[in-house]
Amino acid sequence: MEVSYKKLWVMLANREMSKAELRKLAGISPATFTKLRRNQEVSLSVLLKIADVLDCDAGDIISFIKENKREECNGYKE
């Protein structure tokens, strides 16, 4: 299973908030923010900080994608 933060980036665009602004407001390190940009796993505490800043639920900023669904979306089938 993989992680996707696409919902987060869409929400930021809709609110006209930059990634740098979110990082500063949430107090997230640059290294952790890089993990977010690369769709890598981060701790729940990081997600909660972001959700607090954006006044939303963690489910509003993260999605979990099953491996076989990702492959189907890319045109691969086993």
PDB file of N, CA and C in Angstrom:
ATOM      1  N   MET A   1       0.847  -1.175   0.000  1.00  0.00           N
ATOM      2  CA  MET A   1       0.000   0.000   0.000  1.00  0.00           C
ATOM      3  C   MET A   1       0.894   1.241   0.000  1.00  0.00           C
ATOM      4  N   GLU A   2       0.485   2.225  -0.762  1.00  0.00           N
ATOM      5  CA  GLU A   2       1.244   3.468  -0.858  1.00  0.00           C
ATOM      6  C   GLU A   2       0.432   4.639  -0.330  1.00  0.00           C
ATOM      7  N   VAL A   3       1.134   5.713  -0.056  1.00  0.00           N
ATOM      8  CA  VAL A   3       0.527   6.927   0.480  1.00  0.00           C
ATOM      9  C   VAL A   3       0.502   7.990  -0.614  1.00  0.00           C
ATOM     10  N   SER A   4      -0.574   8.763  -0.645  1.00  0.00           N
ATOM     11  CA  SER A   4      -0.666   9.880  -1.579  1.00  0.00           C
ATOM     12  C   SER A   4      -1.142  11.125  -0.824  1.00  0.00           C
ATOM     13  N   TYR A   5      -0.459  12.225  -1.034  1.00  0.00           N
ATOM     14  CA  TYR A   5      -0.837  13.496  -0.412  1.00  0.00           C
ATOM     15  C   TYR A   5      -1.453  14.445  -1.435  1.00  0.00           C
ATOM     16  N   LYS A   6      -1.960  13.894  -2.530  1.00  0.00           N
ATOM     17  CA  LYS A   6      -2.547  14.718  -3.591  1.00  0.00           C
ATOM     18  C   LYS A   6      -3.660  15.614  -3.038  1.00  0.00           C
ATOM     19  N   LYS A   7      -4.466  15.081  -2.128  1.00  0.00           N
ATOM     20  CA  LYS A   7      -5.549  15.872  -1.529  1.00  0.00           C
ATOM     21  C   LYS A   7      -4.992  17.107  -0.823  1.00  0.00           C
ATOM     22  N   LEU A   8      -3.838  16.944  -0.169  1.00  0.00           N
ATOM     23  CA  LEU A   8      -3.204  18.062   0.528  1.00  0.00           C
ATOM     24  C   LEU A   8      -2.813  19.157  -0.452  1.00  0.00           C
ATOM     25  N   TRP A   9      -2.174  18.760  -1.557  1.00  0.00           N
ATOM     26  CA  TRP A   9      -1.709  19.762  -2.527  1.00  0.00           C
ATOM     27  C   TRP A   9      -2.878  20.480  -3.193  1.00  0.00           C
ATOM     28  N   VAL A  10      -3.961  19.752  -3.448  1.00  0.00           N
ATOM     29  CA  VAL A  10      -5.157  20.371  -4.019  1.00  0.00           C
ATOM     30  C   VAL A  10      -5.756  21.363  -3.023  1.00  0.00           C
ATOM     31  N   MET A  11      -5.811  20.962  -1.751  1.00  0.00           N
ATOM     32  CA  MET A  11      -6.361  21.847  -0.727  1.00  0.00           C
ATOM     33  C   MET A  11      -5.533  23.130  -0.610  1.00  0.00           C
ATOM     34  N   LEU A  12      -4.211  22.987  -0.655  1.00  0.00           N
ATOM     35  CA  LEU A  12      -3.350  24.177  -0.588  1.00  0.00           C
ATOM     36  C   LEU A  12      -3.604  25.099  -1.776  1.00  0.00           C
ATOM     37  N   ALA A  13      -3.728  24.524  -2.947  1.00  0.00           N
ATOM     38  CA  ALA A  13      -3.988  25.337  -4.145  1.00  0.00           C
ATOM     39  C   ALA A  13      -5.325  26.055  -4.029  1.00  0.00           C
ATOM     40  N   ASN A  14      -6.332  25.363  -3.554  1.00  0.00           N
ATOM     41  CA  ASN A  14      -7.653  25.977  -3.394  1.00  0.00           C
ATOM     42  C   ASN A  14      -7.638  27.113  -2.381  1.00  0.00           C
ATOM     43  N   ARG A  15      -6.793  26.996  -1.382  1.00  0.00           N
ATOM     44  CA  ARG A  15      -6.702  28.030  -0.346  1.00  0.00           C
ATOM     45  C   ARG A  15      -5.640  29.068  -0.666  1.00  0.00           C
ATOM     46  N   GLU A  16      -4.992  28.909  -1.812  1.00  0.00           N
ATOM     47  CA  GLU A  16      -3.923  29.819  -2.244  1.00  0.00           C
ATOM     48  C   GLU A  16      -2.843  29.957  -1.177  1.00  0.00           C
ATOM     49  N   MET A  17      -2.464  28.805  -0.613  1.00  0.00           N
ATOM     50  CA  MET A  17      -1.409  28.755   0.400  1.00  0.00           C
ATOM     51  C   MET A  17      -0.208  28.031  -0.205  1.00  0.00           C
ATOM     52  N   SER A  18       0.964  28.576  -0.023  1.00  0.00           N
ATOM     53  CA  SER A  18       2.165  27.934  -0.563  1.00  0.00           C
ATOM     54  C   SER A  18       2.604  26.790   0.343  1.00  0.00           C
ATOM     55  N   LYS A  19       3.383  25.891  -0.221  1.00  0.00           N
ATOM     56  CA  LYS A  19       3.931  24.785   0.560  1.00  0.00           C
ATOM     57  C   LYS A  19       4.855  25.307   1.649  1.00  0.00           C
ATOM     58  N   ALA A  20       5.619  26.329   1.327  1.00  0.00           N
ATOM     59  CA  ALA A  20       6.538  26.921   2.308  1.00  0.00           C
ATOM     60  C   ALA A  20       5.769  27.524   3.481  1.00  0.00           C
ATOM     61  N   GLU A  21       4.654  28.178   3.179  1.00  0.00           N
ATOM     62  CA  GLU A  21       3.839  28.774   4.230  1.00  0.00           C
ATOM     63  C   GLU A  21       3.276  27.690   5.150  1.00  0.00           C
ATOM     64  N   LEU A  22       2.780  26.611   4.568  1.00  0.00           N
ATOM     65  CA  LEU A  22       2.261  25.511   5.377  1.00  0.00           C
ATOM     66  C   LEU A  22       3.351  24.921   6.250  1.00  0.00           C
ATOM     67  N   ARG A  23       4.524  24.704   5.668  1.00  0.00           N
ATOM     68  CA  ARG A  23       5.640  24.127   6.429  1.00  0.00           C
ATOM     69  C   ARG A  23       5.982  24.977   7.639  1.00  0.00           C
ATOM     70  N   LYS A  24       6.029  26.281   7.451  1.00  0.00           N
ATOM     71  CA  LYS A  24       6.361  27.182   8.557  1.00  0.00           C
ATOM     72  C   LYS A  24       5.256  27.218   9.605  1.00  0.00           C
ATOM     73  N   LEU A  25       4.009  27.316   9.171  1.00  0.00           N
ATOM     74  CA  LEU A  25       2.891  27.384  10.119  1.00  0.00           C
ATOM     75  C   LEU A  25       2.742  26.103  10.932  1.00  0.00           C
ATOM     76  N   ALA A  26       3.035  24.957  10.309  1.00  0.00           N
ATOM     77  CA  ALA A  26       2.888  23.673  10.993  1.00  0.00           C
ATOM     78  C   ALA A  26       4.153  23.289  11.762  1.00  0.00           C
ATOM     79  N   GLY A  27       5.240  24.012  11.531  1.00  0.00           N
ATOM     80  CA  GLY A  27       6.485  23.707  12.229  1.00  0.00           C
ATOM     81  C   GLY A  27       7.089  22.381  11.795  1.00  0.00           C
ATOM     82  N   ILE A  28       7.055  22.123  10.495  1.00  0.00           N
ATOM     83  CA  ILE A  28       7.568  20.868   9.946  1.00  0.00           C
ATOM     84  C   ILE A  28       8.958  21.118   9.374  1.00  0.00           C
ATOM     85  N   SER A  29       9.866  20.178   9.626  1.00  0.00           N
ATOM     86  CA  SER A  29      11.227  20.326   9.115  1.00  0.00           C
ATOM     87  C   SER A  29      11.255  20.178   7.596  1.00  0.00           C
ATOM     88  N   PRO A  30      12.253  20.786   6.953  1.00  0.00           N
ATOM     89  CA  PRO A  30      12.372  20.641   5.496  1.00  0.00           C
ATOM     90  C   PRO A  30      12.491  19.172   5.061  1.00  0.00           C
ATOM     91  N   ALA A  31      13.192  18.363   5.828  1.00  0.00           N
ATOM     92  CA  ALA A  31      13.360  16.947   5.475  1.00  0.00           C
ATOM     93  C   ALA A  31      12.018  16.211   5.499  1.00  0.00           C
ATOM     94  N   THR A  32      11.216  16.499   6.498  1.00  0.00           N
ATOM     95  CA  THR A  32       9.898  15.867   6.591  1.00  0.00           C
ATOM     96  C   THR A  32       9.005  16.343   5.458  1.00  0.00           C
ATOM     97  N   PHE A  33       9.096  17.611   5.113  1.00  0.00           N
ATOM     98  CA  PHE A  33       8.273  18.130   4.023  1.00  0.00           C
ATOM     99  C   PHE A  33       8.678  17.505   2.687  1.00  0.00           C
ATOM    100  N   THR A  34       9.957  17.208   2.542  1.00  0.00           N
ATOM    101  CA  THR A  34      10.423  16.509   1.346  1.00  0.00           C
ATOM    102  C   THR A  34       9.775  15.136   1.255  1.00  0.00           C
ATOM    103  N   LYS A  35       9.643  14.448   2.386  1.00  0.00           N
ATOM    104  CA  LYS A  35       8.953  13.151   2.398  1.00  0.00           C
ATOM    105  C   LYS A  35       7.512  13.301   1.917  1.00  0.00           C
ATOM    106  N   LEU A  36       6.854  14.357   2.343  1.00  0.00           N
ATOM    107  CA  LEU A  36       5.484  14.597   1.893  1.00  0.00           C
ATOM    108  C   LEU A  36       5.445  14.790   0.378  1.00  0.00           C
ATOM    109  N   ARG A  37       6.349  15.589  -0.144  1.00  0.00           N
ATOM    110  CA  ARG A  37       6.376  15.854  -1.583  1.00  0.00           C
ATOM    111  C   ARG A  37       6.668  14.597  -2.387  1.00  0.00           C
ATOM    112  N   ARG A  38       7.373  13.652  -1.788  1.00  0.00           N
ATOM    113  CA  ARG A  38       7.717  12.400  -2.473  1.00  0.00           C
ATOM    114  C   ARG A  38       6.726  11.276  -2.176  1.00  0.00           C
ATOM    115  N   ASN A  39       5.617  11.610  -1.542  1.00  0.00           N
ATOM    116  CA  ASN A  39       4.589  10.622  -1.168  1.00  0.00           C
ATOM    117  C   ASN A  39       5.169   9.491  -0.326  1.00  0.00           C
ATOM    118  N   GLN A  40       6.037   9.864   0.607  1.00  0.00           N
ATOM    119  CA  GLN A  40       6.590   8.894   1.547  1.00  0.00           C
ATOM    120  C   GLN A  40       5.852   9.004   2.871  1.00  0.00           C
ATOM    121  N   GLU A  41       5.953   7.967   3.681  1.00  0.00           N
ATOM    122  CA  GLU A  41       5.262   7.952   4.958  1.00  0.00           C
ATOM    123  C   GLU A  41       5.872   8.966   5.929  1.00  0.00           C
ATOM    124  N   VAL A  42       5.010   9.641   6.662  1.00  0.00           N
ATOM    125  CA  VAL A  42       5.420  10.531   7.744  1.00  0.00           C
ATOM    126  C   VAL A  42       4.633  10.139   8.988  1.00  0.00           C
ATOM    127  N   SER A  43       5.048  10.647  10.131  1.00  0.00           N
ATOM    128  CA  SER A  43       4.393  10.271  11.375  1.00  0.00           C
ATOM    129  C   SER A  43       3.000  10.895  11.481  1.00  0.00           C
ATOM    130  N   LEU A  44       2.195  10.270  12.304  1.00  0.00           N
ATOM    131  CA  LEU A  44       0.845  10.769  12.532  1.00  0.00           C
ATOM    132  C   LEU A  44       0.881  12.166  13.142  1.00  0.00           C
ATOM    133  N   SER A  45       1.868  12.442  13.977  1.00  0.00           N
ATOM    134  CA  SER A  45       1.957  13.772  14.600  1.00  0.00           C
ATOM    135  C   SER A  45       2.145  14.858  13.542  1.00  0.00           C
ATOM    136  N   VAL A  46       2.867  14.561  12.471  1.00  0.00           N
ATOM    137  CA  VAL A  46       3.048  15.525  11.376  1.00  0.00           C
ATOM    138  C   VAL A  46       1.716  15.773  10.684  1.00  0.00           C
ATOM    139  N   LEU A  47       0.983  14.701  10.408  1.00  0.00           N
ATOM    140  CA  LEU A  47      -0.321  14.842   9.761  1.00  0.00           C
ATOM    141  C   LEU A  47      -1.281  15.640  10.635  1.00  0.00           C
ATOM    142  N   LEU A  48      -1.215  15.425  11.938  1.00  0.00           N
ATOM    143  CA  LEU A  48      -2.089  16.163  12.853  1.00  0.00           C
ATOM    144  C   LEU A  48      -1.734  17.647  12.900  1.00  0.00           C
ATOM    145  N   LYS A  49      -0.454  17.978  12.822  1.00  0.00           N
ATOM    146  CA  LYS A  49      -0.032  19.388  12.779  1.00  0.00           C
ATOM    147  C   LYS A  49      -0.591  20.069  11.524  1.00  0.00           C
ATOM    148  N   ILE A  50      -0.482  19.371  10.400  1.00  0.00           N
ATOM    149  CA  ILE A  50      -0.988  19.917   9.139  1.00  0.00           C
ATOM    150  C   ILE A  50      -2.502  20.085   9.207  1.00  0.00           C
ATOM    151  N   ALA A  51      -3.191  19.059   9.713  1.00  0.00           N
ATOM    152  CA  ALA A  51      -4.650  19.113   9.827  1.00  0.00           C
ATOM    153  C   ALA A  51      -5.078  20.256  10.743  1.00  0.00           C
ATOM    154  N   ASP A  52      -4.312  20.504  11.787  1.00  0.00           N
ATOM    155  CA  ASP A  52      -4.628  21.598  12.710  1.00  0.00           C
ATOM    156  C   ASP A  52      -4.500  22.942  12.010  1.00  0.00           C
ATOM    157  N   VAL A  53      -3.422  23.125  11.262  1.00  0.00           N
ATOM    158  CA  VAL A  53      -3.205  24.385  10.540  1.00  0.00           C
ATOM    159  C   VAL A  53      -4.303  24.615   9.502  1.00  0.00           C
ATOM    160  N   LEU A  54      -4.680  23.551   8.802  1.00  0.00           N
ATOM    161  CA  LEU A  54      -5.676  23.669   7.734  1.00  0.00           C
ATOM    162  C   LEU A  54      -7.108  23.521   8.245  1.00  0.00           C
ATOM    163  N   ASP A  55      -7.256  23.254   9.541  1.00  0.00           N
ATOM    164  CA  ASP A  55      -8.571  23.064  10.159  1.00  0.00           C
ATOM    165  C   ASP A  55      -9.382  22.011   9.396  1.00  0.00           C
ATOM    166  N   CYS A  56      -8.775  20.825   9.271  1.00  0.00           N
ATOM    167  CA  CYS A  56      -9.436  19.731   8.569  1.00  0.00           C
ATOM    168  C   CYS A  56      -9.113  18.421   9.280  1.00  0.00           C
ATOM    169  N   ASP A  57      -9.600  17.334   8.738  1.00  0.00           N
ATOM    170  CA  ASP A  57      -9.345  15.999   9.264  1.00  0.00           C
ATOM    171  C   ASP A  57      -8.164  15.400   8.502  1.00  0.00           C
ATOM    172  N   ALA A  58      -7.419  14.513   9.136  1.00  0.00           N
ATOM    173  CA  ALA A  58      -6.269  13.888   8.476  1.00  0.00           C
ATOM    174  C   ALA A  58      -6.694  13.173   7.191  1.00  0.00           C
ATOM    175  N   GLY A  59      -7.893  12.625   7.168  1.00  0.00           N
ATOM    176  CA  GLY A  59      -8.396  11.952   5.980  1.00  0.00           C
ATOM    177  C   GLY A  59      -8.633  12.891   4.811  1.00  0.00           C
ATOM    178  N   ASP A  60      -8.683  14.189   5.099  1.00  0.00           N
ATOM    179  CA  ASP A  60      -8.871  15.179   4.039  1.00  0.00           C
ATOM    180  C   ASP A  60      -7.570  15.490   3.295  1.00  0.00           C
ATOM    181  N   ILE A  61      -6.419  15.011   3.842  1.00  0.00           N
ATOM    182  CA  ILE A  61      -5.132  15.362   3.244  1.00  0.00           C
ATOM    183  C   ILE A  61      -4.309  14.156   2.803  1.00  0.00           C
ATOM    184  N   ILE A  62      -4.778  12.951   3.094  1.00  0.00           N
ATOM    185  CA  ILE A  62      -4.005  11.754   2.772  1.00  0.00           C
ATOM    186  C   ILE A  62      -4.914  10.673   2.199  1.00  0.00           C
ATOM    187  N   SER A  63      -4.368   9.904   1.271  1.00  0.00           N
ATOM    188  CA  SER A  63      -5.066   8.742   0.713  1.00  0.00           C
ATOM    189  C   SER A  63      -4.116   7.558   0.733  1.00  0.00           C
ATOM    190  N   PHE A  64      -4.669   6.375   0.881  1.00  0.00           N
ATOM    191  CA  PHE A  64      -3.888   5.153   0.794  1.00  0.00           C
ATOM    192  C   PHE A  64      -4.286   4.434  -0.491  1.00  0.00           C
ATOM    193  N   ILE A  65      -3.297   4.038  -1.269  1.00  0.00           N
ATOM    194  CA  ILE A  65      -3.548   3.419  -2.558  1.00  0.00           C
ATOM    195  C   ILE A  65      -2.995   2.000  -2.537  1.00  0.00           C
ATOM    196  N   LYS A  66      -3.860   1.037  -2.818  1.00  0.00           N
ATOM    197  CA  LYS A  66      -3.402  -0.348  -2.898  1.00  0.00           C
ATOM    198  C   LYS A  66      -2.526  -0.507  -4.125  1.00  0.00           C
ATOM    199  N   GLU A  67      -1.534  -1.344  -4.015  1.00  0.00           N
ATOM    200  CA  GLU A  67      -0.554  -1.539  -5.083  1.00  0.00           C
ATOM    201  C   GLU A  67      -1.217  -1.930  -6.400  1.00  0.00           C
ATOM    202  N   ASN A  68      -2.167  -2.858  -6.385  1.00  0.00           N
ATOM    203  CA  ASN A  68      -2.776  -3.299  -7.633  1.00  0.00           C
ATOM    204  C   ASN A  68      -3.622  -2.207  -8.280  1.00  0.00           C
ATOM    205  N   LYS A  69      -4.220  -1.314  -7.506  1.00  0.00           N
ATOM    206  CA  LYS A  69      -4.984  -0.206  -8.093  1.00  0.00           C
ATOM    207  C   LYS A  69      -4.054   0.782  -8.778  1.00  0.00           C
ATOM    208  N   ARG A  70      -2.885   1.029  -8.183  1.00  0.00           N
ATOM    209  CA  ARG A  70      -1.917   1.938  -8.781  1.00  0.00           C
ATOM    210  C   ARG A  70      -1.442   1.379 -10.115  1.00  0.00           C
ATOM    211  N   GLU A  71      -1.190   0.071 -10.162  1.00  0.00           N
ATOM    212  CA  GLU A  71      -0.735  -0.541 -11.404  1.00  0.00           C
ATOM    213  C   GLU A  71      -1.815  -0.480 -12.478  1.00  0.00           C
ATOM    214  N   GLU A  72      -3.073  -0.683 -12.093  1.00  0.00           N
ATOM    215  CA  GLU A  72      -4.168  -0.589 -13.055  1.00  0.00           C
ATOM    216  C   GLU A  72      -4.293   0.817 -13.610  1.00  0.00           C
ATOM    217  N   CYS A  73      -4.077   1.810 -12.765  1.00  0.00           N
ATOM    218  CA  CYS A  73      -4.147   3.206 -13.214  1.00  0.00           C
ATOM    219  C   CYS A  73      -3.018   3.517 -14.198  1.00  0.00           C
ATOM    220  N   ASN A  74      -1.899   2.833 -14.040  1.00  0.00           N
ATOM    221  CA  ASN A  74      -0.765   3.064 -14.929  1.00  0.00           C
ATOM    222  C   ASN A  74      -0.794   2.169 -16.164  1.00  0.00           C
ATOM    223  N   GLY A  75      -1.861   1.376 -16.312  1.00  0.00           N
ATOM    224  CA  GLY A  75      -1.984   0.531 -17.489  1.00  0.00           C
ATOM    225  C   GLY A  75      -1.409  -0.860 -17.337  1.00  0.00           C
ATOM    226  N   TYR A  76      -0.986  -1.209 -16.130  1.00  0.00           N
ATOM    227  CA  TYR A  76      -0.428  -2.527 -15.892  1.00  0.00           C
ATOM    228  C   TYR A  76      -1.465  -3.412 -15.226  1.00  0.00           C
ATOM    229  N   LYS A  77      -1.527  -4.639 -15.655  1.00  0.00           N
ATOM    230  CA  LYS A  77      -2.398  -5.615 -15.010  1.00  0.00           C
ATOM    231  C   LYS A  77      -1.638  -6.906 -14.884  1.00  0.00           C
ATOM    232  N   GLU A  78      -1.829  -7.582 -13.757  1.00  0.00           N
ATOM    233  CA  GLU A  78      -1.141  -8.857 -13.550  1.00  0.00           C
ATOM    234  C   GLU A  78      -1.971  -9.993 -14.056  1.00  0.00           C
TER     235      GLU A  78
END
